[in-house]
């Protein structure tokens, strides 16, 4: 009986994790034009690199999240389409631990308990949290006073 109950609880927990298959209305594999049409993203004059330094883009969208200004950067590969979306807080000063805690709570509500998280979430960080979903890894990164961002990474696509 306990095994059945445990299996049911695990199944419900897995079903509760929503796989975004991208971010917002931008889904993995979309072309640059499709991302622009679906999200309203625009081409910026400046180009940015992904946090891991592997991709660059100038395709972005400004929006607010938890009353803070963010920019979504869309990283589109010509061969396989949309690969990564990075949400970067544009507030230049004053990021605090509570900003990280609030965003982590919002992501946990949406995607369930994280796959990994820091052992000690007090102090200034840096802190990184990971949610592993079927087609998407969601990373939350924080360094007090300097950066707060969320990265949506496409999983399971190899370029030939």
N, C-alpha and C. Protein backbone atom coordinates (compact mmCIF):
# COMPACT_ATOMS: atom_id res chain seq x y z
N UNK A 1 0.82 -1.20 0.00
CA UNK A 1 0.00 0.00 0.00
C UNK A 1 0.86 1.27 0.00
N UNK A 2 1.94 1.25 0.81
CA UNK A 2 2.82 2.41 0.85
C UNK A 2 3.48 2.64 -0.49
N UNK A 3 3.85 1.57 -1.19
CA UNK A 3 4.49 1.69 -2.50
C UNK A 3 3.55 2.34 -3.50
N UNK A 4 2.28 1.98 -3.46
CA UNK A 4 1.29 2.57 -4.37
C UNK A 4 1.11 4.04 -4.05
N UNK A 5 1.00 4.36 -2.77
CA UNK A 5 0.84 5.75 -2.36
C UNK A 5 2.05 6.59 -2.77
N UNK A 6 3.26 6.04 -2.55
CA UNK A 6 4.48 6.75 -2.93
C UNK A 6 4.54 6.97 -4.44
N UNK A 7 4.18 5.95 -5.22
CA UNK A 7 4.18 6.06 -6.68
C UNK A 7 3.19 7.13 -7.12
N UNK A 8 2.01 7.16 -6.52
CA UNK A 8 1.01 8.18 -6.86
C UNK A 8 1.53 9.58 -6.53
N UNK A 9 2.16 9.75 -5.38
CA UNK A 9 2.68 11.06 -4.99
C UNK A 9 3.78 11.51 -5.94
N UNK A 10 4.67 10.60 -6.34
CA UNK A 10 5.73 10.94 -7.27
C UNK A 10 5.14 11.32 -8.62
N UNK A 11 4.13 10.57 -9.09
CA UNK A 11 3.50 10.88 -10.37
C UNK A 11 2.86 12.26 -10.35
N UNK A 12 2.17 12.59 -9.26
CA UNK A 12 1.53 13.90 -9.14
C UNK A 12 2.59 14.99 -9.13
N UNK A 13 3.71 14.78 -8.43
CA UNK A 13 4.78 15.77 -8.39
C UNK A 13 5.38 15.99 -9.77
N UNK A 14 5.57 14.92 -10.53
CA UNK A 14 6.12 15.06 -11.87
C UNK A 14 5.14 15.79 -12.78
N UNK A 15 3.85 15.47 -12.68
CA UNK A 15 2.84 16.14 -13.49
C UNK A 15 2.74 17.62 -13.14
N UNK A 16 3.04 17.98 -11.89
CA UNK A 16 2.93 19.37 -11.47
C UNK A 16 4.01 20.24 -12.10
N UNK A 17 5.09 19.63 -12.56
CA UNK A 17 6.15 20.41 -13.18
C UNK A 17 5.79 20.72 -14.61
N UNK A 18 5.49 21.96 -14.86
CA UNK A 18 5.14 22.43 -16.20
C UNK A 18 6.40 22.58 -17.02
N UNK A 19 6.47 21.94 -18.18
CA UNK A 19 7.61 22.10 -19.07
C UNK A 19 7.30 23.23 -20.04
N UNK A 20 8.02 24.34 -19.95
CA UNK A 20 7.67 25.50 -20.77
C UNK A 20 8.00 25.35 -22.25
N UNK A 21 8.89 24.42 -22.61
CA UNK A 21 9.31 24.22 -24.01
C UNK A 21 9.75 25.53 -24.65
N UNK A 22 10.43 26.36 -23.85
CA UNK A 22 10.87 27.68 -24.28
C UNK A 22 10.58 28.66 -23.17
N UNK A 23 10.25 29.89 -23.55
CA UNK A 23 9.86 30.89 -22.57
C UNK A 23 8.73 31.73 -23.15
N UNK A 24 7.69 31.90 -22.35
CA UNK A 24 6.55 32.70 -22.75
C UNK A 24 5.98 32.13 -24.05
N UNK A 25 5.84 32.93 -25.09
CA UNK A 25 5.30 32.44 -26.36
C UNK A 25 6.39 32.00 -27.33
N UNK A 26 7.64 32.07 -26.90
CA UNK A 26 8.77 31.63 -27.74
C UNK A 26 9.09 30.18 -27.40
N UNK A 27 9.01 29.31 -28.39
CA UNK A 27 9.23 27.88 -28.16
C UNK A 27 10.48 27.41 -28.87
N UNK A 28 11.06 26.37 -28.33
CA UNK A 28 12.31 25.82 -28.89
C UNK A 28 12.15 25.53 -30.38
N UNK A 29 13.17 25.90 -31.12
CA UNK A 29 13.20 25.63 -32.56
C UNK A 29 12.68 26.77 -33.43
N UNK A 30 12.07 27.79 -32.83
CA UNK A 30 11.54 28.90 -33.63
C UNK A 30 12.67 29.66 -34.31
N UNK A 31 12.36 30.23 -35.47
CA UNK A 31 13.29 31.11 -36.17
C UNK A 31 13.25 32.49 -35.53
N UNK A 32 14.19 33.34 -35.90
CA UNK A 32 14.21 34.71 -35.40
C UNK A 32 12.90 35.42 -35.72
N UNK A 33 12.42 35.28 -36.94
CA UNK A 33 11.18 35.95 -37.33
C UNK A 33 9.99 35.42 -36.52
N UNK A 34 9.95 34.12 -36.28
CA UNK A 34 8.86 33.56 -35.47
C UNK A 34 8.90 34.10 -34.04
N UNK A 35 10.10 34.21 -33.47
CA UNK A 35 10.22 34.76 -32.12
C UNK A 35 9.72 36.20 -32.09
N UNK A 36 10.11 37.00 -33.09
CA UNK A 36 9.66 38.39 -33.16
C UNK A 36 8.14 38.47 -33.26
N UNK A 37 7.56 37.65 -34.12
CA UNK A 37 6.11 37.66 -34.33
C UNK A 37 5.36 37.22 -33.08
N UNK A 38 5.82 36.17 -32.43
CA UNK A 38 5.12 35.61 -31.27
C UNK A 38 5.28 36.43 -30.00
N UNK A 39 6.43 37.07 -29.81
CA UNK A 39 6.70 37.74 -28.53
C UNK A 39 6.74 39.26 -28.61
N UNK A 40 6.91 39.80 -29.80
CA UNK A 40 7.09 41.25 -29.92
C UNK A 40 8.54 41.66 -29.69
N UNK A 41 9.45 40.69 -29.68
CA UNK A 41 10.88 41.00 -29.50
C UNK A 41 11.35 41.90 -30.63
N UNK A 42 12.40 42.65 -30.34
CA UNK A 42 12.96 43.54 -31.35
C UNK A 42 14.48 43.39 -31.40
N UNK A 43 15.05 43.91 -32.45
CA UNK A 43 16.50 43.87 -32.62
C UNK A 43 17.10 45.10 -31.95
N UNK A 44 18.03 44.88 -31.02
CA UNK A 44 18.70 45.97 -30.33
C UNK A 44 20.01 46.29 -31.03
N UNK A 45 20.50 47.50 -30.84
CA UNK A 45 21.77 47.92 -31.44
C UNK A 45 22.92 47.13 -30.82
N UNK A 46 22.86 46.93 -29.51
CA UNK A 46 23.93 46.20 -28.82
C UNK A 46 23.71 44.70 -28.90
N UNK A 47 24.81 43.98 -28.91
CA UNK A 47 24.78 42.53 -28.91
C UNK A 47 25.24 42.05 -27.54
N UNK A 48 24.64 40.97 -27.06
CA UNK A 48 25.05 40.41 -25.77
C UNK A 48 25.43 38.95 -25.95
N UNK A 49 26.27 38.47 -25.06
CA UNK A 49 26.65 37.05 -25.05
C UNK A 49 25.87 36.33 -23.96
N UNK A 50 25.64 35.04 -24.18
CA UNK A 50 24.99 34.23 -23.15
C UNK A 50 25.91 34.13 -21.94
N UNK A 51 25.35 33.83 -20.79
CA UNK A 51 26.15 33.77 -19.57
C UNK A 51 27.27 32.74 -19.67
N UNK A 52 27.08 31.68 -20.45
CA UNK A 52 28.15 30.70 -20.62
C UNK A 52 29.10 31.07 -21.75
N UNK A 53 28.83 32.18 -22.45
CA UNK A 53 29.73 32.68 -23.48
C UNK A 53 29.68 31.96 -24.81
N UNK A 54 28.73 31.04 -25.00
CA UNK A 54 28.70 30.22 -26.22
C UNK A 54 27.89 30.83 -27.35
N UNK A 55 26.96 31.71 -27.02
CA UNK A 55 26.08 32.28 -28.03
C UNK A 55 26.03 33.80 -27.89
N UNK A 56 25.66 34.48 -28.98
CA UNK A 56 25.45 35.92 -28.90
C UNK A 56 24.16 36.27 -29.64
N UNK A 57 23.58 37.41 -29.25
CA UNK A 57 22.32 37.84 -29.85
C UNK A 57 22.14 39.34 -29.68
N UNK A 58 21.25 39.89 -30.48
CA UNK A 58 20.79 41.27 -30.28
C UNK A 58 19.25 41.30 -30.30
N UNK A 59 18.63 40.14 -30.18
CA UNK A 59 17.18 39.99 -30.19
C UNK A 59 16.67 39.95 -28.76
N UNK A 60 15.88 40.96 -28.37
CA UNK A 60 15.44 41.03 -26.99
C UNK A 60 14.05 41.62 -26.81
N UNK A 61 13.58 41.58 -25.58
CA UNK A 61 12.26 42.08 -25.21
C UNK A 61 12.33 42.60 -23.79
N UNK A 62 11.93 43.85 -23.56
CA UNK A 62 11.88 44.43 -22.23
C UNK A 62 10.52 44.16 -21.60
N UNK A 63 10.53 43.83 -20.30
CA UNK A 63 9.29 43.55 -19.57
C UNK A 63 9.56 43.71 -18.09
N UNK A 64 8.52 43.62 -17.27
CA UNK A 64 8.67 43.69 -15.82
C UNK A 64 8.35 42.34 -15.21
N UNK A 65 9.11 41.99 -14.19
CA UNK A 65 8.89 40.75 -13.45
C UNK A 65 9.07 41.09 -11.98
N UNK A 66 8.05 40.84 -11.19
CA UNK A 66 8.09 41.15 -9.76
C UNK A 66 8.48 42.62 -9.53
N UNK A 67 7.89 43.51 -10.35
CA UNK A 67 8.09 44.96 -10.27
C UNK A 67 9.54 45.39 -10.52
N UNK A 68 10.28 44.58 -11.25
CA UNK A 68 11.66 44.91 -11.62
C UNK A 68 11.80 44.86 -13.14
N UNK A 69 12.63 45.76 -13.70
CA UNK A 69 12.83 45.75 -15.16
C UNK A 69 13.73 44.59 -15.58
N UNK A 70 13.28 43.83 -16.56
CA UNK A 70 14.05 42.71 -17.10
C UNK A 70 14.13 42.85 -18.61
N UNK A 71 15.12 42.21 -19.18
CA UNK A 71 15.20 42.05 -20.62
C UNK A 71 15.37 40.56 -20.91
N UNK A 72 14.53 40.05 -21.81
CA UNK A 72 14.67 38.67 -22.29
C UNK A 72 15.54 38.72 -23.53
N UNK A 73 16.63 37.97 -23.51
CA UNK A 73 17.49 37.82 -24.69
C UNK A 73 17.21 36.46 -25.31
N UNK A 74 16.93 36.44 -26.61
CA UNK A 74 16.59 35.22 -27.34
C UNK A 74 17.80 34.80 -28.18
N UNK A 75 18.32 33.62 -27.93
CA UNK A 75 19.48 33.10 -28.64
C UNK A 75 19.00 32.07 -29.65
N UNK A 76 19.06 32.46 -30.93
CA UNK A 76 18.55 31.63 -32.03
C UNK A 76 19.73 31.14 -32.86
N UNK A 77 19.82 29.85 -33.03
CA UNK A 77 20.84 29.23 -33.88
C UNK A 77 20.22 29.02 -35.27
N UNK A 78 20.96 29.38 -36.31
CA UNK A 78 20.43 29.26 -37.67
C UNK A 78 20.04 27.85 -38.06
N UNK A 79 20.70 26.85 -37.51
CA UNK A 79 20.42 25.46 -37.89
C UNK A 79 19.25 24.84 -37.11
N UNK A 80 19.17 25.13 -35.82
CA UNK A 80 18.15 24.45 -34.99
C UNK A 80 17.16 25.39 -34.32
N UNK A 81 17.24 26.68 -34.61
CA UNK A 81 16.27 27.61 -34.07
C UNK A 81 16.58 28.07 -32.65
N UNK A 82 15.54 28.48 -31.94
CA UNK A 82 15.70 29.02 -30.58
C UNK A 82 16.32 27.98 -29.67
N UNK A 83 17.44 28.36 -29.04
CA UNK A 83 18.20 27.46 -28.18
C UNK A 83 18.17 27.86 -26.72
N UNK A 84 18.10 29.16 -26.46
CA UNK A 84 18.26 29.65 -25.09
C UNK A 84 17.55 30.99 -24.96
N UNK A 85 16.99 31.23 -23.78
CA UNK A 85 16.41 32.53 -23.44
C UNK A 85 16.97 32.91 -22.08
N UNK A 86 17.53 34.11 -22.00
CA UNK A 86 18.04 34.60 -20.72
C UNK A 86 17.25 35.83 -20.30
N UNK A 87 16.71 35.78 -19.10
CA UNK A 87 15.99 36.90 -18.51
C UNK A 87 16.94 37.59 -17.56
N UNK A 88 17.31 38.82 -17.88
CA UNK A 88 18.32 39.54 -17.12
C UNK A 88 17.69 40.75 -16.45
N UNK A 89 17.83 40.84 -15.13
CA UNK A 89 17.33 42.01 -14.41
C UNK A 89 18.17 43.21 -14.80
N UNK A 90 17.51 44.28 -15.21
CA UNK A 90 18.22 45.48 -15.67
C UNK A 90 18.43 46.50 -14.55
N UNK A 91 18.00 46.18 -13.36
CA UNK A 91 18.25 47.09 -12.24
C UNK A 91 19.75 47.07 -11.97
N UNK A 92 20.37 48.21 -11.99
CA UNK A 92 21.82 48.27 -11.87
C UNK A 92 22.32 48.22 -10.44
N UNK A 93 21.49 48.61 -9.48
CA UNK A 93 21.91 48.60 -8.09
C UNK A 93 20.75 48.14 -7.22
N UNK A 94 21.11 47.71 -6.02
CA UNK A 94 20.10 47.45 -5.02
C UNK A 94 19.46 46.08 -5.04
N UNK A 95 19.97 45.16 -5.85
CA UNK A 95 19.41 43.81 -5.80
C UNK A 95 19.73 43.19 -4.44
N UNK A 96 18.71 42.60 -3.82
CA UNK A 96 18.89 42.05 -2.49
C UNK A 96 18.45 40.59 -2.45
N UNK A 97 18.79 39.95 -1.36
CA UNK A 97 18.46 38.54 -1.18
C UNK A 97 16.97 38.30 -1.34
N UNK A 98 16.13 39.22 -0.87
CA UNK A 98 14.68 39.03 -0.98
C UNK A 98 14.23 38.98 -2.45
N UNK A 99 14.93 39.70 -3.35
CA UNK A 99 14.60 39.65 -4.77
C UNK A 99 14.81 38.24 -5.30
N UNK A 100 15.92 37.64 -4.92
CA UNK A 100 16.22 36.25 -5.29
C UNK A 100 15.20 35.28 -4.69
N UNK A 101 14.90 35.44 -3.42
CA UNK A 101 13.96 34.55 -2.72
C UNK A 101 12.58 34.63 -3.37
N UNK A 102 12.11 35.84 -3.71
CA UNK A 102 10.80 36.00 -4.35
C UNK A 102 10.77 35.33 -5.72
N UNK A 103 11.81 35.52 -6.51
CA UNK A 103 11.86 34.91 -7.84
C UNK A 103 11.97 33.40 -7.75
N UNK A 104 12.73 32.90 -6.82
CA UNK A 104 12.84 31.45 -6.61
C UNK A 104 11.48 30.87 -6.22
N UNK A 105 10.74 31.55 -5.38
CA UNK A 105 9.41 31.08 -4.97
C UNK A 105 8.46 31.04 -6.17
N UNK A 106 8.53 32.05 -7.04
CA UNK A 106 7.68 32.08 -8.23
C UNK A 106 8.01 30.90 -9.16
N UNK A 107 9.30 30.64 -9.35
CA UNK A 107 9.71 29.53 -10.22
C UNK A 107 9.35 28.18 -9.60
N UNK A 108 9.49 28.06 -8.29
CA UNK A 108 9.13 26.81 -7.61
C UNK A 108 7.64 26.55 -7.70
N UNK A 109 6.84 27.60 -7.58
CA UNK A 109 5.39 27.44 -7.73
C UNK A 109 5.04 26.93 -9.12
N UNK A 110 5.76 27.40 -10.11
CA UNK A 110 5.46 27.03 -11.49
C UNK A 110 6.04 25.67 -11.89
N UNK A 111 7.30 25.40 -11.47
CA UNK A 111 8.00 24.21 -11.96
C UNK A 111 8.22 23.13 -10.91
N UNK A 112 7.75 23.34 -9.69
CA UNK A 112 7.96 22.36 -8.62
C UNK A 112 9.29 22.60 -7.92
N UNK A 113 9.65 21.68 -7.05
CA UNK A 113 10.89 21.81 -6.30
C UNK A 113 12.10 21.74 -7.23
N UNK A 114 13.11 22.55 -7.00
CA UNK A 114 14.28 22.54 -7.87
C UNK A 114 15.05 21.23 -7.78
N UNK A 115 15.76 20.92 -8.85
CA UNK A 115 16.61 19.74 -8.93
C UNK A 115 17.85 19.93 -8.05
N UNK A 116 18.44 21.11 -8.09
CA UNK A 116 19.57 21.46 -7.23
C UNK A 116 19.34 22.85 -6.68
N UNK A 117 19.94 23.10 -5.52
CA UNK A 117 19.90 24.44 -4.94
C UNK A 117 21.09 24.59 -4.01
N UNK A 118 21.48 25.82 -3.70
CA UNK A 118 22.62 26.03 -2.80
C UNK A 118 22.33 25.48 -1.41
N UNK A 119 23.38 25.06 -0.72
CA UNK A 119 23.22 24.54 0.64
C UNK A 119 22.83 25.64 1.61
N UNK A 120 23.41 26.81 1.43
CA UNK A 120 23.19 27.91 2.36
C UNK A 120 22.78 29.14 1.56
N UNK A 121 21.55 29.56 1.71
CA UNK A 121 21.05 30.71 0.96
C UNK A 121 20.94 31.95 1.84
N UNK A 122 21.98 32.21 2.59
CA UNK A 122 22.07 33.45 3.35
C UNK A 122 23.33 34.17 2.90
N UNK A 123 23.35 35.46 3.07
CA UNK A 123 24.52 36.22 2.66
C UNK A 123 24.34 36.80 1.27
N UNK A 124 25.46 36.98 0.59
CA UNK A 124 25.45 37.71 -0.68
C UNK A 124 25.48 36.82 -1.91
N UNK A 125 25.66 35.53 -1.76
CA UNK A 125 25.74 34.65 -2.91
C UNK A 125 27.16 34.55 -3.41
N UNK A 126 27.42 34.05 -4.57
CA UNK A 126 26.43 33.74 -5.61
C UNK A 126 25.64 32.47 -5.32
N UNK A 127 24.40 32.46 -5.78
CA UNK A 127 23.53 31.30 -5.66
C UNK A 127 23.05 30.90 -7.03
N UNK A 128 22.98 29.59 -7.27
CA UNK A 128 22.44 29.05 -8.52
C UNK A 128 21.48 27.93 -8.19
N UNK A 129 20.31 27.96 -8.80
CA UNK A 129 19.29 26.93 -8.60
C UNK A 129 18.92 26.38 -9.97
N UNK A 130 18.67 25.07 -10.05
CA UNK A 130 18.34 24.42 -11.32
C UNK A 130 17.04 23.63 -11.20
N UNK A 131 16.17 23.82 -12.19
CA UNK A 131 14.99 22.98 -12.39
C UNK A 131 15.23 22.21 -13.68
N UNK A 132 15.13 20.88 -13.63
CA UNK A 132 15.28 20.05 -14.83
C UNK A 132 13.90 19.57 -15.26
N UNK A 133 13.51 19.95 -16.46
CA UNK A 133 12.22 19.57 -17.00
C UNK A 133 12.47 18.76 -18.27
N UNK A 134 11.44 18.30 -18.91
CA UNK A 134 11.61 17.40 -20.05
C UNK A 134 12.44 18.00 -21.19
N UNK A 135 12.10 19.19 -21.65
CA UNK A 135 12.81 19.80 -22.78
C UNK A 135 13.59 21.04 -22.39
N UNK A 136 13.55 21.38 -21.10
CA UNK A 136 14.09 22.67 -20.66
C UNK A 136 14.79 22.55 -19.31
N UNK A 137 15.96 23.14 -19.21
CA UNK A 137 16.59 23.37 -17.91
C UNK A 137 16.40 24.84 -17.59
N UNK A 138 15.95 25.13 -16.38
CA UNK A 138 15.73 26.50 -15.93
C UNK A 138 16.72 26.79 -14.81
N UNK A 139 17.56 27.79 -15.02
CA UNK A 139 18.58 28.18 -14.05
C UNK A 139 18.24 29.55 -13.48
N UNK A 140 18.33 29.68 -12.17
CA UNK A 140 18.20 30.97 -11.50
C UNK A 140 19.57 31.31 -10.92
N UNK A 141 20.09 32.48 -11.29
CA UNK A 141 21.41 32.92 -10.83
C UNK A 141 21.25 34.24 -10.08
N UNK A 142 22.01 34.36 -8.97
CA UNK A 142 21.93 35.58 -8.17
C UNK A 142 23.28 35.91 -7.55
N UNK A 143 23.65 37.19 -7.57
CA UNK A 143 24.79 37.72 -6.85
C UNK A 143 24.35 39.07 -6.31
N UNK A 144 24.30 39.20 -4.99
CA UNK A 144 23.74 40.40 -4.35
C UNK A 144 24.35 41.68 -4.89
N UNK A 145 23.44 42.60 -5.22
CA UNK A 145 23.84 43.91 -5.68
C UNK A 145 24.31 43.95 -7.12
N UNK A 146 24.50 42.80 -7.75
CA UNK A 146 25.07 42.78 -9.09
C UNK A 146 24.21 42.12 -10.16
N UNK A 147 23.67 40.93 -9.88
CA UNK A 147 22.94 40.24 -10.95
C UNK A 147 21.85 39.32 -10.41
N UNK A 148 20.78 39.27 -11.18
CA UNK A 148 19.67 38.36 -10.94
C UNK A 148 19.16 37.99 -12.32
N UNK A 149 19.28 36.72 -12.69
CA UNK A 149 18.79 36.32 -14.00
C UNK A 149 18.30 34.89 -14.00
N UNK A 150 17.47 34.59 -15.00
CA UNK A 150 16.92 33.26 -15.20
C UNK A 150 17.27 32.84 -16.62
N UNK A 151 17.82 31.63 -16.75
CA UNK A 151 18.19 31.11 -18.06
C UNK A 151 17.34 29.89 -18.37
N UNK A 152 16.72 29.91 -19.55
CA UNK A 152 15.97 28.75 -20.06
C UNK A 152 16.83 28.13 -21.15
N UNK A 153 17.30 26.90 -20.93
CA UNK A 153 18.15 26.18 -21.88
C UNK A 153 17.39 25.03 -22.51
N UNK A 154 17.49 24.94 -23.81
CA UNK A 154 16.90 23.82 -24.55
C UNK A 154 17.71 22.55 -24.26
N UNK A 155 17.02 21.45 -24.04
CA UNK A 155 17.64 20.17 -23.73
C UNK A 155 17.43 19.18 -24.87
N UNK A 156 18.46 18.41 -25.17
CA UNK A 156 18.29 17.28 -26.05
C UNK A 156 18.40 17.53 -27.54
N UNK A 157 19.01 18.63 -27.97
CA UNK A 157 19.17 18.89 -29.40
C UNK A 157 20.65 18.96 -29.71
N UNK A 158 21.08 18.15 -30.67
CA UNK A 158 22.47 18.19 -31.11
C UNK A 158 22.50 18.68 -32.55
N UNK A 159 23.42 19.61 -32.81
CA UNK A 159 23.60 20.08 -34.19
C UNK A 159 24.51 19.11 -34.92
N UNK A 160 24.21 18.84 -36.17
CA UNK A 160 25.06 17.97 -36.98
C UNK A 160 25.91 18.78 -37.92
